[in-house]
Amino acid sequence: MGMANLQRMAMQMQQDMARIQAELAETEVQGSAGGGVVTAVVTGKQELRSVSIDPAAVDPEDVGMLEDLVVAAVNDALEASRKVAEQKMAAVTGGLGGGLGGLLGGR
């Protein structure tokens, strides 16, 4: 494989990765907790967009439980977002992934 070929492949991969990053910024995934009484929506870039709380979940005597449900819903949504990002990036990198975790905001 010649150097020009490698450069073309690298440029194509960069363009594909930029496209995927833009798609991830627009992709929204949802997570939930407490049987759906708390839901969170995040982007494919792990940015929290919204949190919804069913009024039935609001108990002034047990705010701690509601806080735990919000954390659980956000974490559920973030995990779904990481999975979407990994799948999209794997299509570009051909599964080279290992060192790309930092680029995805992963672990």
C-alpha atoms as a PDB file:
ATOM      1  CA  MET A   1       0.000   0.000   0.000  1.00  0.00           C
ATOM      2  CA  GLY A   2       1.505   3.313  -1.079  1.00  0.00           C
ATOM      3  CA  MET A   3       1.819   6.435   1.028  1.00  0.00           C
ATOM      4  CA  ALA A   4      -0.739   8.294  -1.107  1.00  0.00           C
ATOM      5  CA  ASN A   5      -3.217   5.486  -0.509  1.00  0.00           C
ATOM      6  CA  LEU A   6      -2.635   5.639   3.239  1.00  0.00           C
ATOM      7  CA  GLN A   7      -3.157   9.395   3.229  1.00  0.00           C
ATOM      8  CA  ARG A   8      -6.419   9.035   1.295  1.00  0.00           C
ATOM      9  CA  MET A   9      -7.621   6.370   3.715  1.00  0.00           C
ATOM     10  CA  ALA A  10      -6.691   8.537   6.710  1.00  0.00           C
ATOM     11  CA  MET A  11      -8.498  11.546   5.242  1.00  0.00           C
ATOM     12  CA  GLN A  12     -11.582   9.430   4.524  1.00  0.00           C
ATOM     13  CA  MET A  13     -11.552   8.086   8.079  1.00  0.00           C
ATOM     14  CA  GLN A  14     -11.268  11.626   9.463  1.00  0.00           C
ATOM     15  CA  GLN A  15     -14.217  12.749   7.339  1.00  0.00           C
ATOM     16  CA  ASP A  16     -16.245   9.719   8.430  1.00  0.00           C
ATOM     17  CA  MET A  17     -15.420  10.346  12.086  1.00  0.00           C
ATOM     18  CA  ALA A  18     -16.419  14.016  11.783  1.00  0.00           C
ATOM     19  CA  ARG A  19     -19.712  12.943  10.191  1.00  0.00           C
ATOM     20  CA  ILE A  20     -20.326  10.411  12.970  1.00  0.00           C
ATOM     21  CA  GLN A  21     -19.544  13.010  15.657  1.00  0.00           C
ATOM     22  CA  ALA A  22     -22.096  15.368  14.072  1.00  0.00           C
ATOM     23  CA  GLU A  23     -24.674  12.559  13.940  1.00  0.00           C
ATOM     24  CA  LEU A  24     -24.005  11.712  17.588  1.00  0.00           C
ATOM     25  CA  ALA A  25     -24.560  15.338  18.596  1.00  0.00           C
ATOM     26  CA  GLU A  26     -28.048  15.110  17.074  1.00  0.00           C
ATOM     27  CA  THR A  27     -28.891  11.565  18.199  1.00  0.00           C
ATOM     28  CA  GLU A  28     -31.008  11.363  21.337  1.00  0.00           C
ATOM     29  CA  VAL A  29     -31.454   8.307  23.524  1.00  0.00           C
ATOM     30  CA  GLN A  30     -33.619   7.857  26.586  1.00  0.00           C
ATOM     31  CA  GLY A  31     -33.027   6.146  29.895  1.00  0.00           C
ATOM     32  CA  SER A  32     -35.485   5.536  32.676  1.00  0.00           C
ATOM     33  CA  ALA A  33     -35.809   4.435  36.281  1.00  0.00           C
ATOM     34  CA  GLY A  34     -38.564   3.479  38.663  1.00  0.00           C
ATOM     35  CA  GLY A  35     -40.607   1.798  35.969  1.00  0.00           C
ATOM     36  CA  GLY A  36     -40.526   4.923  33.825  1.00  0.00           C
ATOM     37  CA  VAL A  37     -41.527   7.502  36.440  1.00  0.00           C
ATOM     38  CA  VAL A  38     -38.220   9.265  35.788  1.00  0.00           C
ATOM     39  CA  THR A  39     -36.788   9.533  32.292  1.00  0.00           C
ATOM     40  CA  ALA A  40     -33.674  11.247  31.000  1.00  0.00           C
ATOM     41  CA  VAL A  41     -32.737  12.114  27.428  1.00  0.00           C
ATOM     42  CA  VAL A  42     -29.089  12.482  26.409  1.00  0.00           C
ATOM     43  CA  THR A  43     -27.333  12.965  23.100  1.00  0.00           C
ATOM     44  CA  GLY A  44     -24.922  10.534  21.520  1.00  0.00           C
ATOM     45  CA  LYS A  45     -22.195  12.825  22.844  1.00  0.00           C
ATOM     46  CA  GLN A  46     -23.369  12.268  26.437  1.00  0.00           C
ATOM     47  CA  GLU A  47     -24.980  15.683  26.909  1.00  0.00           C
ATOM     48  CA  LEU A  48     -28.089  15.714  29.095  1.00  0.00           C
ATOM     49  CA  ARG A  49     -31.007  17.252  27.180  1.00  0.00           C
ATOM     50  CA  SER A  50     -33.926  16.723  29.540  1.00  0.00           C
ATOM     51  CA  VAL A  51     -35.267  15.004  32.636  1.00  0.00           C
ATOM     52  CA  SER A  52     -38.959  14.167  33.063  1.00  0.00           C
ATOM     53  CA  ILE A  53     -40.514  13.237  36.379  1.00  0.00           C
ATOM     54  CA  ASP A  54     -43.996  11.809  36.741  1.00  0.00           C
ATOM     55  CA  PRO A  55     -45.786  13.855  39.430  1.00  0.00           C
ATOM     56  CA  ALA A  56     -46.668  10.557  41.154  1.00  0.00           C
ATOM     57  CA  ALA A  57     -42.968  10.118  41.932  1.00  0.00           C
ATOM     58  CA  VAL A  58     -42.800  13.356  43.903  1.00  0.00           C
ATOM     59  CA  ASP A  59     -43.072  12.597  47.597  1.00  0.00           C
ATOM     60  CA  PRO A  60     -41.978  15.542  49.762  1.00  0.00           C
ATOM     61  CA  GLU A  61     -41.269  13.062  52.550  1.00  0.00           C
ATOM     62  CA  ASP A  62     -38.805  11.053  50.425  1.00  0.00           C
ATOM     63  CA  VAL A  63     -36.794  13.427  48.232  1.00  0.00           C
ATOM     64  CA  GLY A  64     -33.813  11.068  48.482  1.00  0.00           C
ATOM     65  CA  MET A  65     -35.634   8.364  46.537  1.00  0.00           C
ATOM     66  CA  LEU A  66     -36.485  10.819  43.757  1.00  0.00           C
ATOM     67  CA  GLU A  67     -32.871  11.961  43.601  1.00  0.00           C
ATOM     68  CA  ASP A  68     -31.741   8.332  43.304  1.00  0.00           C
ATOM     69  CA  LEU A  69     -34.244   7.737  40.496  1.00  0.00           C
ATOM     70  CA  VAL A  70     -32.957  10.786  38.599  1.00  0.00           C
ATOM     71  CA  VAL A  71     -29.363   9.570  38.901  1.00  0.00           C
ATOM     72  CA  ALA A  72     -30.369   6.071  37.780  1.00  0.00           C
ATOM     73  CA  ALA A  73     -32.313   7.398  34.774  1.00  0.00           C
ATOM     74  CA  VAL A  74     -29.434   9.642  33.680  1.00  0.00           C
ATOM     75  CA  ASN A  75     -26.942   6.798  34.031  1.00  0.00           C
ATOM     76  CA  ASP A  76     -29.234   4.514  32.028  1.00  0.00           C
ATOM     77  CA  ALA A  77     -29.470   7.105  29.255  1.00  0.00           C
ATOM     78  CA  LEU A  78     -25.702   7.681  29.274  1.00  0.00           C
ATOM     79  CA  GLU A  79     -25.061   3.956  28.909  1.00  0.00           C
ATOM     80  CA  ALA A  80     -27.432   3.819  25.940  1.00  0.00           C
ATOM     81  CA  SER A  81     -25.627   6.814  24.463  1.00  0.00           C
ATOM     82  CA  ARG A  82     -22.223   5.132  24.849  1.00  0.00           C
ATOM     83  CA  LYS A  83     -23.524   2.042  23.079  1.00  0.00           C
ATOM     84  CA  VAL A  84     -24.837   4.105  20.157  1.00  0.00           C
ATOM     85  CA  ALA A  85     -21.507   5.927  19.891  1.00  0.00           C
ATOM     86  CA  GLU A  86     -19.521   2.674  19.996  1.00  0.00           C
ATOM     87  CA  GLN A  87     -21.657   1.142  17.257  1.00  0.00           C
ATOM     88  CA  LYS A  88     -21.368   4.165  14.989  1.00  0.00           C
ATOM     89  CA  MET A  89     -17.627   4.504  15.526  1.00  0.00           C
ATOM     90  CA  ALA A  90     -17.040   0.781  14.995  1.00  0.00           C
ATOM     91  CA  ALA A  91     -18.524   1.175  11.534  1.00  0.00           C
ATOM     92  CA  VAL A  92     -15.822   3.742  10.743  1.00  0.00           C
ATOM     93  CA  THR A  93     -12.862   2.192  12.535  1.00  0.00           C
ATOM     94  CA  GLY A  94     -13.595  -1.405  11.606  1.00  0.00           C
ATOM     95  CA  GLY A  95     -13.446  -2.411  15.265  1.00  0.00           C
ATOM     96  CA  LEU A  96     -10.019  -0.859  15.970  1.00  0.00           C
ATOM     97  CA  GLY A  97     -11.782   0.821  18.902  1.00  0.00           C
ATOM     98  CA  GLY A  98      -9.542   0.133  21.929  1.00  0.00           C
ATOM     99  CA  GLY A  99      -7.772   3.478  21.988  1.00  0.00           C
ATOM    100  CA  LEU A 100     -10.796   5.441  20.846  1.00  0.00           C
ATOM    101  CA  GLY A 101     -12.648   5.269  24.160  1.00  0.00           C
ATOM    102  CA  GLY A 102     -11.357   8.697  25.167  1.00  0.00           C
ATOM    103  CA  LEU A 103     -12.696  10.195  21.953  1.00  0.00           C
ATOM    104  CA  LEU A 104     -16.130   8.814  22.720  1.00  0.00           C
ATOM    105  CA  GLY A 105     -16.216  10.063  26.268  1.00  0.00           C
ATOM    106  CA  GLY A 106     -16.138   6.449  27.384  1.00  0.00           C
ATOM    107  CA  ARG A 107     -14.417   4.697  30.203  1.00  0.00           C
END
